[in-house]
Amino acid sequence: MNTTPEHNQRVAKMTFALVYSLLVKKVERKGRTEEELQQVIKWLTGFTKEKINELIEKEATYEEFFSTAKLNPNAHLISGTICGYRIEEIENPLTRQVRYLDKLVDELAKGQKMEKILRVG
């Protein structure tokens, strides 16, 4: 699926700190914890809690955030629709990575078991 260059640029320039606070609110509203959110982010990116906090303090953009991430080798197993886009059809690598994170957070907020979210087994 083709996203527009404008859409991809908007996604790249979004500040992770702003998005992170919204993600925390989303999962906590659904009875999950910030620690679980960080576990999901660590699985996807390899980032520790300290690294996540550093990127928040730095006000890193999604472009900076994902450029330093070591994407989990099983990230390609994340599929489905998020924000009206079928993840596996998104051609722009950064936009696809951002949607991976969105999908994992959605699954967490919907109460799925961590093993399923983290594609274990």
PDB file of N, CA and C in Angstrom:
ATOM      1  N   MET A   1       0.853  -1.173   0.000  1.00  0.00           N
ATOM      2  CA  MET A   1       0.000   0.000   0.000  1.00  0.00           C
ATOM      3  C   MET A   1       0.896   1.232   0.000  1.00  0.00           C
ATOM      4  N   ASN A   2       0.606   2.130  -0.860  1.00  0.00           N
ATOM      5  CA  ASN A   2       1.378   3.357  -0.939  1.00  0.00           C
ATOM      6  C   ASN A   2       0.796   4.416  -0.021  1.00  0.00           C
ATOM      7  N   THR A   3       1.649   4.932   0.844  1.00  0.00           N
ATOM      8  CA  THR A   3       1.298   6.116   1.612  1.00  0.00           C
ATOM      9  C   THR A   3       1.895   7.284   0.841  1.00  0.00           C
ATOM     10  N   THR A   4       1.356   8.455   1.022  1.00  0.00           N
ATOM     11  CA  THR A   4       1.878   9.600   0.291  1.00  0.00           C
ATOM     12  C   THR A   4       3.205  10.046   0.896  1.00  0.00           C
ATOM     13  N   PRO A   5       4.052  10.695   0.117  1.00  0.00           N
ATOM     14  CA  PRO A   5       5.302  11.233   0.672  1.00  0.00           C
ATOM     15  C   PRO A   5       5.026  12.203   1.826  1.00  0.00           C
ATOM     16  N   GLU A   6       3.957  12.956   1.731  1.00  0.00           N
ATOM     17  CA  GLU A   6       3.607  13.909   2.791  1.00  0.00           C
ATOM     18  C   GLU A   6       3.265  13.163   4.085  1.00  0.00           C
ATOM     19  N   HIS A   7       2.515  12.083   3.948  1.00  0.00           N
ATOM     20  CA  HIS A   7       2.153  11.272   5.119  1.00  0.00           C
ATOM     21  C   HIS A   7       3.407  10.690   5.758  1.00  0.00           C
ATOM     22  N   ASN A   8       4.290  10.132   4.925  1.00  0.00           N
ATOM     23  CA  ASN A   8       5.529   9.538   5.442  1.00  0.00           C
ATOM     24  C   ASN A   8       6.391  10.579   6.145  1.00  0.00           C
ATOM     25  N   GLN A   9       6.451  11.780   5.603  1.00  0.00           N
ATOM     26  CA  GLN A   9       7.246  12.847   6.217  1.00  0.00           C
ATOM     27  C   GLN A   9       6.639  13.272   7.556  1.00  0.00           C
ATOM     28  N   ARG A  10       5.309  13.347   7.603  1.00  0.00           N
ATOM     29  CA  ARG A  10       4.624  13.715   8.851  1.00  0.00           C
ATOM     30  C   ARG A  10       4.911  12.681   9.933  1.00  0.00           C
ATOM     31  N   VAL A  11       4.850  11.412   9.564  1.00  0.00           N
ATOM     32  CA  VAL A  11       5.132  10.331  10.506  1.00  0.00           C
ATOM     33  C   VAL A  11       6.581  10.428  10.990  1.00  0.00           C
ATOM     34  N   ALA A  12       7.511  10.649  10.078  1.00  0.00           N
ATOM     35  CA  ALA A  12       8.936  10.715  10.420  1.00  0.00           C
ATOM     36  C   ALA A  12       9.239  11.832  11.408  1.00  0.00           C
ATOM     37  N   LYS A  13       8.529  12.936  11.308  1.00  0.00           N
ATOM     38  CA  LYS A  13       8.819  14.111  12.137  1.00  0.00           C
ATOM     39  C   LYS A  13       8.035  14.148  13.444  1.00  0.00           C
ATOM     40  N   MET A  14       7.147  13.163  13.663  1.00  0.00           N
ATOM     41  CA  MET A  14       6.408  13.124  14.926  1.00  0.00           C
ATOM     42  C   MET A  14       7.392  12.890  16.068  1.00  0.00           C
ATOM     43  N   THR A  15       7.165  13.565  17.178  1.00  0.00           N
ATOM     44  CA  THR A  15       8.045  13.450  18.334  1.00  0.00           C
ATOM     45  C   THR A  15       7.643  12.247  19.176  1.00  0.00           C
ATOM     46  N   PHE A  16       8.581  11.363  19.413  1.00  0.00           N
ATOM     47  CA  PHE A  16       8.304  10.161  20.187  1.00  0.00           C
ATOM     48  C   PHE A  16       7.799  10.496  21.591  1.00  0.00           C
ATOM     49  N   ALA A  17       8.335  11.526  22.219  1.00  0.00           N
ATOM     50  CA  ALA A  17       7.919  11.892  23.580  1.00  0.00           C
ATOM     51  C   ALA A  17       6.421  12.172  23.641  1.00  0.00           C
ATOM     52  N   LEU A  18       5.921  12.905  22.677  1.00  0.00           N
ATOM     53  CA  LEU A  18       4.490  13.223  22.644  1.00  0.00           C
ATOM     54  C   LEU A  18       3.672  11.953  22.433  1.00  0.00           C
ATOM     55  N   VAL A  19       4.083  11.143  21.489  1.00  0.00           N
ATOM     56  CA  VAL A  19       3.362   9.914  21.193  1.00  0.00           C
ATOM     57  C   VAL A  19       3.425   8.965  22.380  1.00  0.00           C
ATOM     58  N   TYR A  20       4.584   8.868  23.026  1.00  0.00           N
ATOM     59  CA  TYR A  20       4.751   7.950  24.152  1.00  0.00           C
ATOM     60  C   TYR A  20       3.750   8.259  25.260  1.00  0.00           C
ATOM     61  N   SER A  21       3.591   9.529  25.590  1.00  0.00           N
ATOM     62  CA  SER A  21       2.649   9.881  26.663  1.00  0.00           C
ATOM     63  C   SER A  21       1.226   9.463  26.288  1.00  0.00           C
ATOM     64  N   LEU A  22       0.872   9.559  25.013  1.00  0.00           N
ATOM     65  CA  LEU A  22      -0.448   9.129  24.562  1.00  0.00           C
ATOM     66  C   LEU A  22      -0.582   7.605  24.624  1.00  0.00           C
ATOM     67  N   LEU A  23       0.500   6.904  24.307  1.00  0.00           N
ATOM     68  CA  LEU A  23       0.479   5.439  24.365  1.00  0.00           C
ATOM     69  C   LEU A  23       0.315   4.959  25.805  1.00  0.00           C
ATOM     70  N   VAL A  24       1.010   5.615  26.728  1.00  0.00           N
ATOM     71  CA  VAL A  24       0.885   5.262  28.153  1.00  0.00           C
ATOM     72  C   VAL A  24      -0.562   5.442  28.604  1.00  0.00           C
ATOM     73  N   LYS A  25      -1.159   6.581  28.264  1.00  0.00           N
ATOM     74  CA  LYS A  25      -2.553   6.832  28.644  1.00  0.00           C
ATOM     75  C   LYS A  25      -3.478   5.782  28.056  1.00  0.00           C
ATOM     76  N   LYS A  26      -3.245   5.415  26.803  1.00  0.00           N
ATOM     77  CA  LYS A  26      -4.097   4.439  26.128  1.00  0.00           C
ATOM     78  C   LYS A  26      -4.061   3.088  26.836  1.00  0.00           C
ATOM     79  N   VAL A  27      -2.865   2.590  27.115  1.00  0.00           N
ATOM     80  CA  VAL A  27      -2.780   1.260  27.732  1.00  0.00           C
ATOM     81  C   VAL A  27      -3.257   1.281  29.176  1.00  0.00           C
ATOM     82  N   GLU A  28      -2.975   2.362  29.902  1.00  0.00           N
ATOM     83  CA  GLU A  28      -3.423   2.442  31.297  1.00  0.00           C
ATOM     84  C   GLU A  28      -4.942   2.540  31.389  1.00  0.00           C
ATOM     85  N   ARG A  29      -5.558   3.232  30.432  1.00  0.00           N
ATOM     86  CA  ARG A  29      -7.020   3.326  30.388  1.00  0.00           C
ATOM     87  C   ARG A  29      -7.647   1.940  30.240  1.00  0.00           C
ATOM     88  N   LYS A  30      -6.921   1.057  29.604  1.00  0.00           N
ATOM     89  CA  LYS A  30      -7.425  -0.295  29.355  1.00  0.00           C
ATOM     90  C   LYS A  30      -6.929  -1.307  30.391  1.00  0.00           C
ATOM     91  N   GLY A  31      -6.338  -0.812  31.488  1.00  0.00           N
ATOM     92  CA  GLY A  31      -5.928  -1.700  32.568  1.00  0.00           C
ATOM     93  C   GLY A  31      -4.557  -2.322  32.420  1.00  0.00           C
ATOM     94  N   ARG A  32      -3.772  -1.865  31.458  1.00  0.00           N
ATOM     95  CA  ARG A  32      -2.406  -2.364  31.300  1.00  0.00           C
ATOM     96  C   ARG A  32      -1.451  -1.349  31.928  1.00  0.00           C
ATOM     97  N   THR A  33      -0.167  -1.670  31.970  1.00  0.00           N
ATOM     98  CA  THR A  33       0.789  -0.814  32.675  1.00  0.00           C
ATOM     99  C   THR A  33       1.833  -0.216  31.735  1.00  0.00           C
ATOM    100  N   GLU A  34       2.471   0.836  32.208  1.00  0.00           N
ATOM    101  CA  GLU A  34       3.571   1.431  31.447  1.00  0.00           C
ATOM    102  C   GLU A  34       4.717   0.433  31.304  1.00  0.00           C
ATOM    103  N   GLU A  35       4.916  -0.404  32.329  1.00  0.00           N
ATOM    104  CA  GLU A  35       5.967  -1.416  32.257  1.00  0.00           C
ATOM    105  C   GLU A  35       5.698  -2.403  31.116  1.00  0.00           C
ATOM    106  N   GLU A  36       4.430  -2.777  30.929  1.00  0.00           N
ATOM    107  CA  GLU A  36       4.096  -3.672  29.819  1.00  0.00           C
ATOM    108  C   GLU A  36       4.338  -2.976  28.479  1.00  0.00           C
ATOM    109  N   LEU A  37       3.993  -1.698  28.413  1.00  0.00           N
ATOM    110  CA  LEU A  37       4.257  -0.916  27.206  1.00  0.00           C
ATOM    111  C   LEU A  37       5.754  -0.907  26.903  1.00  0.00           C
ATOM    112  N   GLN A  38       6.559  -0.676  27.930  1.00  0.00           N
ATOM    113  CA  GLN A  38       8.012  -0.660  27.727  1.00  0.00           C
ATOM    114  C   GLN A  38       8.527  -2.026  27.301  1.00  0.00           C
ATOM    115  N   GLN A  39       7.909  -3.088  27.803  1.00  0.00           N
ATOM    116  CA  GLN A  39       8.298  -4.439  27.392  1.00  0.00           C
ATOM    117  C   GLN A  39       8.028  -4.635  25.899  1.00  0.00           C
ATOM    118  N   VAL A  40       6.906  -4.133  25.441  1.00  0.00           N
ATOM    119  CA  VAL A  40       6.546  -4.227  24.023  1.00  0.00           C
ATOM    120  C   VAL A  40       7.534  -3.424  23.173  1.00  0.00           C
ATOM    121  N   ILE A  41       7.859  -2.205  23.624  1.00  0.00           N
ATOM    122  CA  ILE A  41       8.813  -1.359  22.890  1.00  0.00           C
ATOM    123  C   ILE A  41      10.186  -2.022  22.869  1.00  0.00           C
ATOM    124  N   LYS A  42      10.589  -2.605  23.997  1.00  0.00           N
ATOM    125  CA  LYS A  42      11.891  -3.277  24.050  1.00  0.00           C
ATOM    126  C   LYS A  42      11.922  -4.457  23.083  1.00  0.00           C
ATOM    127  N   TRP A  43      10.840  -5.233  23.029  1.00  0.00           N
ATOM    128  CA  TRP A  43      10.793  -6.369  22.108  1.00  0.00           C
ATOM    129  C   TRP A  43      10.967  -5.899  20.667  1.00  0.00           C
ATOM    130  N   LEU A  44      10.262  -4.821  20.308  1.00  0.00           N
ATOM    131  CA  LEU A  44      10.304  -4.342  18.931  1.00  0.00           C
ATOM    132  C   LEU A  44      11.628  -3.679  18.577  1.00  0.00           C
ATOM    133  N   THR A  45      12.172  -2.878  19.497  1.00  0.00           N
ATOM    134  CA  THR A  45      13.317  -2.013  19.174  1.00  0.00           C
ATOM    135  C   THR A  45      14.634  -2.397  19.840  1.00  0.00           C
ATOM    136  N   GLY A  46      14.558  -3.170  20.910  1.00  0.00           N
ATOM    137  CA  GLY A  46      15.752  -3.474  21.695  1.00  0.00           C
ATOM    138  C   GLY A  46      16.058  -2.413  22.745  1.00  0.00           C
ATOM    139  N   PHE A  47      15.242  -1.357  22.833  1.00  0.00           N
ATOM    140  CA  PHE A  47      15.511  -0.252  23.761  1.00  0.00           C
ATOM    141  C   PHE A  47      15.161  -0.619  25.202  1.00  0.00           C
ATOM    142  N   THR A  48      16.095  -0.321  26.105  1.00  0.00           N
ATOM    143  CA  THR A  48      15.844  -0.467  27.536  1.00  0.00           C
ATOM    144  C   THR A  48      14.997   0.710  28.019  1.00  0.00           C
ATOM    145  N   LYS A  49      14.525   0.595  29.244  1.00  0.00           N
ATOM    146  CA  LYS A  49      13.772   1.691  29.858  1.00  0.00           C
ATOM    147  C   LYS A  49      14.605   2.974  29.854  1.00  0.00           C
ATOM    148  N   GLU A  50      15.892   2.843  30.143  1.00  0.00           N
ATOM    149  CA  GLU A  50      16.782   4.002  30.176  1.00  0.00           C
ATOM    150  C   GLU A  50      16.900   4.647  28.795  1.00  0.00           C
ATOM    151  N   LYS A  51      17.023   3.832  27.764  1.00  0.00           N
ATOM    152  CA  LYS A  51      17.133   4.345  26.398  1.00  0.00           C
ATOM    153  C   LYS A  51      15.830   5.018  25.971  1.00  0.00           C
ATOM    154  N   ILE A  52      14.707   4.428  26.335  1.00  0.00           N
ATOM    155  CA  ILE A  52      13.407   5.032  26.038  1.00  0.00           C
ATOM    156  C   ILE A  52      13.326   6.410  26.683  1.00  0.00           C
ATOM    157  N   ASN A  53      13.710   6.496  27.959  1.00  0.00           N
ATOM    158  CA  ASN A  53      13.682   7.781  28.661  1.00  0.00           C
ATOM    159  C   ASN A  53      14.628   8.796  28.034  1.00  0.00           C
ATOM    160  N   GLU A  54      15.794   8.331  27.603  1.00  0.00           N
ATOM    161  CA  GLU A  54      16.759   9.212  26.941  1.00  0.00           C
ATOM    162  C   GLU A  54      16.163   9.789  25.650  1.00  0.00           C
ATOM    163  N   LEU A  55      15.506   8.949  24.868  1.00  0.00           N
ATOM    164  CA  LEU A  55      14.896   9.401  23.615  1.00  0.00           C
ATOM    165  C   LEU A  55      13.735  10.363  23.875  1.00  0.00           C
ATOM    166  N   ILE A  56      13.017  10.137  24.968  1.00  0.00           N
ATOM    167  CA  ILE A  56      11.937  11.052  25.348  1.00  0.00           C
ATOM    168  C   ILE A  56      12.521  12.409  25.725  1.00  0.00           C
ATOM    169  N   GLU A  57      13.536  12.400  26.581  1.00  0.00           N
ATOM    170  CA  GLU A  57      14.164  13.654  27.016  1.00  0.00           C
ATOM    171  C   GLU A  57      14.777  14.412  25.844  1.00  0.00           C
ATOM    172  N   LYS A  58      15.331  13.686  24.905  1.00  0.00           N
ATOM    173  CA  LYS A  58      15.957  14.286  23.725  1.00  0.00           C
ATOM    174  C   LYS A  58      14.910  14.819  22.743  1.00  0.00           C
ATOM    175  N   GLU A  59      13.649  14.421  22.957  1.00  0.00           N
ATOM    176  CA  GLU A  59      12.559  14.756  22.042  1.00  0.00           C
ATOM    177  C   GLU A  59      12.859  14.252  20.632  1.00  0.00           C
ATOM    178  N   ALA A  60      13.288  12.996  20.591  1.00  0.00           N
ATOM    179  CA  ALA A  60      13.620  12.359  19.319  1.00  0.00           C
ATOM    180  C   ALA A  60      12.373  12.213  18.454  1.00  0.00           C
ATOM    181  N   THR A  61      12.564  12.399  17.162  1.00  0.00           N
ATOM    182  CA  THR A  61      11.483  12.145  16.212  1.00  0.00           C
ATOM    183  C   THR A  61      11.392  10.637  15.992  1.00  0.00           C
ATOM    184  N   TYR A  62      10.306  10.184  15.372  1.00  0.00           N
ATOM    185  CA  TYR A  62      10.207   8.770  15.030  1.00  0.00           C
ATOM    186  C   TYR A  62      11.345   8.370  14.096  1.00  0.00           C
ATOM    187  N   GLU A  63      11.757   9.277  13.237  1.00  0.00           N
ATOM    188  CA  GLU A  63      12.868   8.990  12.328  1.00  0.00           C
ATOM    189  C   GLU A  63      14.137   8.687  13.122  1.00  0.00           C
ATOM    190  N   GLU A  64      14.445   9.517  14.125  1.00  0.00           N
ATOM    191  CA  GLU A  64      15.615   9.295  14.975  1.00  0.00           C
ATOM    192  C   GLU A  64      15.433   8.041  15.823  1.00  0.00           C
ATOM    193  N   PHE A  65      14.244   7.863  16.348  1.00  0.00           N
ATOM    194  CA  PHE A  65      13.919   6.732  17.213  1.00  0.00           C
ATOM    195  C   PHE A  65      14.198   5.412  16.493  1.00  0.00           C
ATOM    196  N   PHE A  66      13.627   5.246  15.309  1.00  0.00           N
ATOM    197  CA  PHE A  66      13.777   3.981  14.599  1.00  0.00           C
ATOM    198  C   PHE A  66      15.121   3.841  13.911  1.00  0.00           C
ATOM    199  N   SER A  67      15.831   4.951  13.660  1.00  0.00           N
ATOM    200  CA  SER A  67      17.154   4.831  13.030  1.00  0.00           C
ATOM    201  C   SER A  67      18.170   4.204  13.984  1.00  0.00           C
ATOM    202  N   THR A  68      17.921   4.293  15.301  1.00  0.00           N
ATOM    203  CA  THR A  68      18.840   3.708  16.278  1.00  0.00           C
ATOM    204  C   THR A  68      18.329   2.376  16.828  1.00  0.00           C
ATOM    205  N   ALA A  69      17.136   1.979  16.424  1.00  0.00           N
ATOM    206  CA  ALA A  69      16.548   0.730  16.914  1.00  0.00           C
ATOM    207  C   ALA A  69      17.151  -0.478  16.193  1.00  0.00           C
ATOM    208  N   LYS A  70      17.188  -1.586  16.908  1.00  0.00           N
ATOM    209  CA  LYS A  70      17.547  -2.875  16.312  1.00  0.00           C
ATOM    210  C   LYS A  70      16.249  -3.667  16.262  1.00  0.00           C
ATOM    211  N   LEU A  71      15.564  -3.565  15.142  1.00  0.00           N
ATOM    212  CA  LEU A  71      14.242  -4.162  15.012  1.00  0.00           C
ATOM    213  C   LEU A  71      14.287  -5.671  15.248  1.00  0.00           C
ATOM    214  N   ASN A  72      13.340  -6.156  16.024  1.00  0.00           N
ATOM    215  CA  ASN A  72      13.244  -7.577  16.320  1.00  0.00           C
ATOM    216  C   ASN A  72      13.115  -8.370  15.013  1.00  0.00           C
ATOM    217  N   PRO A  73      13.864  -9.470  14.887  1.00  0.00           N
ATOM    218  CA  PRO A  73      13.796 -10.261  13.656  1.00  0.00           C
ATOM    219  C   PRO A  73      12.397 -10.808  13.361  1.00  0.00           C
ATOM    220  N   ASN A  74      11.536 -10.880  14.377  1.00  0.00           N
ATOM    221  CA  ASN A  74      10.174 -11.367  14.166  1.00  0.00           C
ATOM    222  C   ASN A  74       9.168 -10.239  13.936  1.00  0.00           C
ATOM    223  N   ALA A  75       9.645  -9.019  13.786  1.00  0.00           N
ATOM    224  CA  ALA A  75       8.732  -7.892  13.570  1.00  0.00           C
ATOM    225  C   ALA A  75       7.895  -8.095  12.311  1.00  0.00           C
ATOM    226  N   HIS A  76       8.442  -8.786  11.329  1.00  0.00           N
ATOM    227  CA  HIS A  76       7.699  -9.020  10.083  1.00  0.00           C
ATOM    228  C   HIS A  76       6.437  -9.854  10.306  1.00  0.00           C
ATOM    229  N   LEU A  77       6.337 -10.503  11.468  1.00  0.00           N
ATOM    230  CA  LEU A  77       5.146 -11.294  11.791  1.00  0.00           C
ATOM    231  C   LEU A  77       3.965 -10.426  12.214  1.00  0.00           C
ATOM    232  N   ILE A  78       4.219  -9.139  12.452  1.00  0.00           N
ATOM    233  CA  ILE A  78       3.150  -8.219  12.835  1.00  0.00           C
ATOM    234  C   ILE A  78       2.363  -7.892  11.575  1.00  0.00           C
ATOM    235  N   SER A  79       1.090  -8.192  11.619  1.00  0.00           N
ATOM    236  CA  SER A  79       0.266  -7.966  10.439  1.00  0.00           C
ATOM    237  C   SER A  79      -1.106  -7.468  10.862  1.00  0.00           C
ATOM    238  N   GLY A  80      -1.884  -7.104   9.878  1.00  0.00           N
ATOM    239  CA  GLY A  80      -3.228  -6.619  10.154  1.00  0.00           C
ATOM    240  C   GLY A  80      -3.373  -5.171   9.749  1.00  0.00           C
ATOM    241  N   THR A  81      -4.486  -4.599  10.129  1.00  0.00           N
ATOM    242  CA  THR A  81      -4.788  -3.225   9.749  1.00  0.00           C
ATOM    243  C   THR A  81      -4.661  -2.312  10.949  1.00  0.00           C
ATOM    244  N   ILE A  82      -4.061  -1.164  10.723  1.00  0.00           N
ATOM    245  CA  ILE A  82      -3.946  -0.137  11.760  1.00  0.00           C
ATOM    246  C   ILE A  82      -4.041   1.217  11.072  1.00  0.00           C
ATOM    247  N   CYS A  83      -4.840   2.088  11.617  1.00  0.00           N
ATOM    248  CA  CYS A  83      -5.033   3.434  11.063  1.00  0.00           C
ATOM    249  C   CYS A  83      -5.438   3.383   9.584  1.00  0.00           C
ATOM    250  N   GLY A  84      -6.185   2.357   9.209  1.00  0.00           N
ATOM    251  CA  GLY A  84      -6.653   2.240   7.833  1.00  0.00           C
ATOM    252  C   GLY A  84      -5.651   1.670   6.850  1.00  0.00           C
ATOM    253  N   TYR A  85      -4.501   1.242   7.332  1.00  0.00           N
ATOM    254  CA  TYR A  85      -3.468   0.691   6.453  1.00  0.00           C
ATOM    255  C   TYR A  85      -3.199  -0.763   6.818  1.00  0.00           C
ATOM    256  N   ARG A  86      -3.061  -1.611   5.819  1.00  0.00           N
ATOM    257  CA  ARG A  86      -2.639  -2.989   6.045  1.00  0.00           C
ATOM    258  C   ARG A  86      -1.123  -2.950   6.198  1.00  0.00           C
ATOM    259  N   ILE A  87      -0.644  -3.297   7.389  1.00  0.00           N
ATOM    260  CA  ILE A  87       0.770  -3.141   7.748  1.00  0.00           C
ATOM    261  C   ILE A  87       1.706  -3.807   6.744  1.00  0.00           C
ATOM    262  N   GLU A  88       1.401  -5.026   6.383  1.00  0.00           N
ATOM    263  CA  GLU A  88       2.316  -5.762   5.509  1.00  0.00           C
ATOM    264  C   GLU A  88       2.385  -5.196   4.095  1.00  0.00           C
ATOM    265  N   GLU A  89       1.496  -4.266   3.766  1.00  0.00           N
ATOM    266  CA  GLU A  89       1.511  -3.655   2.438  1.00  0.00           C
ATOM    267  C   GLU A  89       2.123  -2.248   2.421  1.00  0.00           C
ATOM    268  N   ILE A  90       2.511  -1.742   3.571  1.00  0.00           N
ATOM    269  CA  ILE A  90       3.105  -0.403   3.637  1.00  0.00           C
ATOM    270  C   ILE A  90       4.518  -0.480   3.067  1.00  0.00           C
ATOM    271  N   GLU A  91       4.789   0.305   2.050  1.00  0.00           N
ATOM    272  CA  GLU A  91       6.078   0.230   1.363  1.00  0.00           C
ATOM    273  C   GLU A  91       7.179   1.031   2.058  1.00  0.00           C
ATOM    274  N   ASN A  92       6.845   2.162   2.656  1.00  0.00           N
ATOM    275  CA  ASN A  92       7.854   2.988   3.315  1.00  0.00           C
ATOM    276  C   ASN A  92       8.305   2.292   4.607  1.00  0.00           C
ATOM    277  N   PRO A  93       9.596   1.949   4.725  1.00  0.00           N
ATOM    278  CA  PRO A  93      10.073   1.193   5.887  1.00  0.00           C
ATOM    279  C   PRO A  93       9.803   1.889   7.232  1.00  0.00           C
ATOM    280  N   LEU A  94      10.035   3.195   7.315  1.00  0.00           N
ATOM    281  CA  LEU A  94       9.817   3.889   8.584  1.00  0.00           C
ATOM    282  C   LEU A  94       8.342   3.896   8.959  1.00  0.00           C
ATOM    283  N   THR A  95       7.492   4.202   8.011  1.00  0.00           N
ATOM    284  CA  THR A  95       6.055   4.210   8.290  1.00  0.00           C
ATOM    285  C   THR A  95       5.591   2.821   8.720  1.00  0.00           C
ATOM    286  N   ARG A  96       6.114   1.773   8.092  1.00  0.00           N
ATOM    287  CA  ARG A  96       5.772   0.406   8.474  1.00  0.00           C
ATOM    288  C   ARG A  96       6.225   0.117   9.907  1.00  0.00           C
ATOM    289  N   GLN A  97       7.424   0.569  10.273  1.00  0.00           N
ATOM    290  CA  GLN A  97       7.927   0.342  11.636  1.00  0.00           C
ATOM    291  C   GLN A  97       7.061   1.062  12.670  1.00  0.00           C
ATOM    292  N   VAL A  98       6.658   2.283  12.363  1.00  0.00           N
ATOM    293  CA  VAL A  98       5.787   3.036  13.269  1.00  0.00           C
ATOM    294  C   VAL A  98       4.462   2.288  13.426  1.00  0.00           C
ATOM    295  N   ARG A  99       3.934   1.764  12.345  1.00  0.00           N
ATOM    296  CA  ARG A  99       2.668   1.017  12.405  1.00  0.00           C
ATOM    297  C   ARG A  99       2.832  -0.311  13.134  1.00  0.00           C
ATOM    298  N   TYR A 100       4.027  -0.914  13.080  1.00  0.00           N
ATOM    299  CA  TYR A 100       4.296  -2.089  13.906  1.00  0.00           C
ATOM    300  C   TYR A 100       4.056  -1.737  15.373  1.00  0.00           C
ATOM    301  N   LEU A 101       4.661  -0.632  15.802  1.00  0.00           N
ATOM    302  CA  LEU A 101       4.508  -0.210  17.194  1.00  0.00           C
ATOM    303  C   LEU A 101       3.043   0.073  17.509  1.00  0.00           C
ATOM    304  N   ASP A 102       2.357   0.774  16.632  1.00  0.00           N
ATOM    305  CA  ASP A 102       0.936   1.069  16.843  1.00  0.00           C
ATOM    306  C   ASP A 102       0.130  -0.219  17.023  1.00  0.00           C
ATOM    307  N   LYS A 103       0.404  -1.208  16.183  1.00  0.00           N
ATOM    308  CA  LYS A 103      -0.335  -2.477  16.235  1.00  0.00           C
ATOM    309  C   LYS A 103      -0.066  -3.212  17.540  1.00  0.00           C
ATOM    310  N   LEU A 104       1.198  -3.245  17.972  1.00  0.00           N
ATOM    311  CA  LEU A 104       1.530  -3.912  19.229  1.00  0.00           C
ATOM    312  C   LEU A 104       0.829  -3.239  20.407  1.00  0.00           C
ATOM    313  N   VAL A 105       0.809  -1.907  20.401  1.00  0.00           N
ATOM    314  CA  VAL A 105       0.154  -1.166  21.479  1.00  0.00           C
ATOM    315  C   VAL A 105      -1.350  -1.423  21.455  1.00  0.00           C
ATOM    316  N   ASP A 106      -1.933  -1.485  20.269  1.00  0.00           N
ATOM    317  CA  ASP A 106      -3.354  -1.817  20.145  1.00  0.00           C
ATOM    318  C   ASP A 106      -3.641  -3.188  20.757  1.00  0.00           C
ATOM    319  N   GLU A 107      -2.805  -4.155  20.438  1.00  0.00           N
ATOM    320  CA  GLU A 107      -2.991  -5.510  20.963  1.00  0.00           C
ATOM    321  C   GLU A 107      -2.875  -5.508  22.481  1.00  0.00           C
ATOM    322  N   LEU A 108      -1.921  -4.758  23.007  1.00  0.00           N
ATOM    323  CA  LEU A 108      -1.754  -4.644  24.454  1.00  0.00           C
ATOM    324  C   LEU A 108      -3.003  -4.038  25.084  1.00  0.00           C
ATOM    325  N   ALA A 109      -3.485  -2.947  24.518  1.00  0.00           N
ATOM    326  CA  ALA A 109      -4.664  -2.259  25.043  1.00  0.00           C
ATOM    327  C   ALA A 109      -5.921  -3.136  24.955  1.00  0.00           C
ATOM    328  N   LYS A 110      -5.958  -4.017  23.971  1.00  0.00           N
ATOM    329  CA  LYS A 110      -7.130  -4.892  23.802  1.00  0.00           C
ATOM    330  C   LYS A 110      -7.071  -6.100  24.726  1.00  0.00           C
ATOM    331  N   GLY A 111      -6.025  -6.198  25.536  1.00  0.00           N
ATOM    332  CA  GLY A 111      -5.961  -7.258  26.537  1.00  0.00           C
ATOM    333  C   GLY A 111      -5.362  -8.564  26.071  1.00  0.00           C
ATOM    334  N   GLN A 112      -4.716  -8.563  24.919  1.00  0.00           N
ATOM    335  CA  GLN A 112      -4.095  -9.809  24.467  1.00  0.00           C
ATOM    336  C   GLN A 112      -2.963 -10.207  25.402  1.00  0.00           C
ATOM    337  N   LYS A 113      -2.696 -11.496  25.451  1.00  0.00           N
ATOM    338  CA  LYS A 113      -1.613 -12.004  26.285  1.00  0.00           C
ATOM    339  C   LYS A 113      -0.274 -11.552  25.709  1.00  0.00           C
ATOM    340  N   MET A 114       0.664 -11.298  26.597  1.00  0.00           N
ATOM    341  CA  MET A 114       1.977 -10.807  26.195  1.00  0.00           C
ATOM    342  C   MET A 114       2.665 -11.785  25.238  1.00  0.00           C
ATOM    343  N   GLU A 115       2.494 -13.092  25.442  1.00  0.00           N
ATOM    344  CA  GLU A 115       3.129 -14.069  24.560  1.00  0.00           C
ATOM    345  C   GLU A 115       2.662 -13.898  23.120  1.00  0.00           C
ATOM    346  N   LYS A 116       1.383 -13.612  22.948  1.00  0.00           N
ATOM    347  CA  LYS A 116       0.838 -13.419  21.604  1.00  0.00           C
ATOM    348  C   LYS A 116       1.350 -12.108  21.011  1.00  0.00           C
ATOM    349  N   ILE A 117       1.369 -11.051  21.827  1.00  0.00           N
ATOM    350  CA  ILE A 117       1.836  -9.737  21.357  1.00  0.00           C
ATOM    351  C   ILE A 117       3.292  -9.839  20.908  1.00  0.00           C
ATOM    352  N   LEU A 118       4.100 -10.540  21.669  1.00  0.00           N
ATOM    353  CA  LEU A 118       5.532 -10.639  21.391  1.00  0.00           C
ATOM    354  C   LEU A 118       5.871 -11.777  20.428  1.00  0.00           C
ATOM    355  N   ARG A 119       4.847 -12.337  19.807  1.00  0.00           N
ATOM    356  CA  ARG A 119       5.021 -13.368  18.779  1.00  0.00           C
ATOM    357  C   ARG A 119       5.902 -14.507  19.274  1.00  0.00           C
ATOM    358  N   VAL A 120       5.609 -14.980  20.497  1.00  0.00           N
ATOM    359  CA  VAL A 120       6.344 -16.107  21.081  1.00  0.00           C
ATOM    360  C   VAL A 120       5.673 -17.398  20.633  1.00  0.00           C
ATOM    361  N   GLY A 121       6.496 -18.323  20.169  1.00  0.00           N
ATOM    362  CA  GLY A 121       5.970 -19.641  19.808  1.00  0.00           C
ATOM    363  C   GLY A 121       5.391 -19.638  18.502  1.00  0.00           C
TER     364      GLY A 121
END
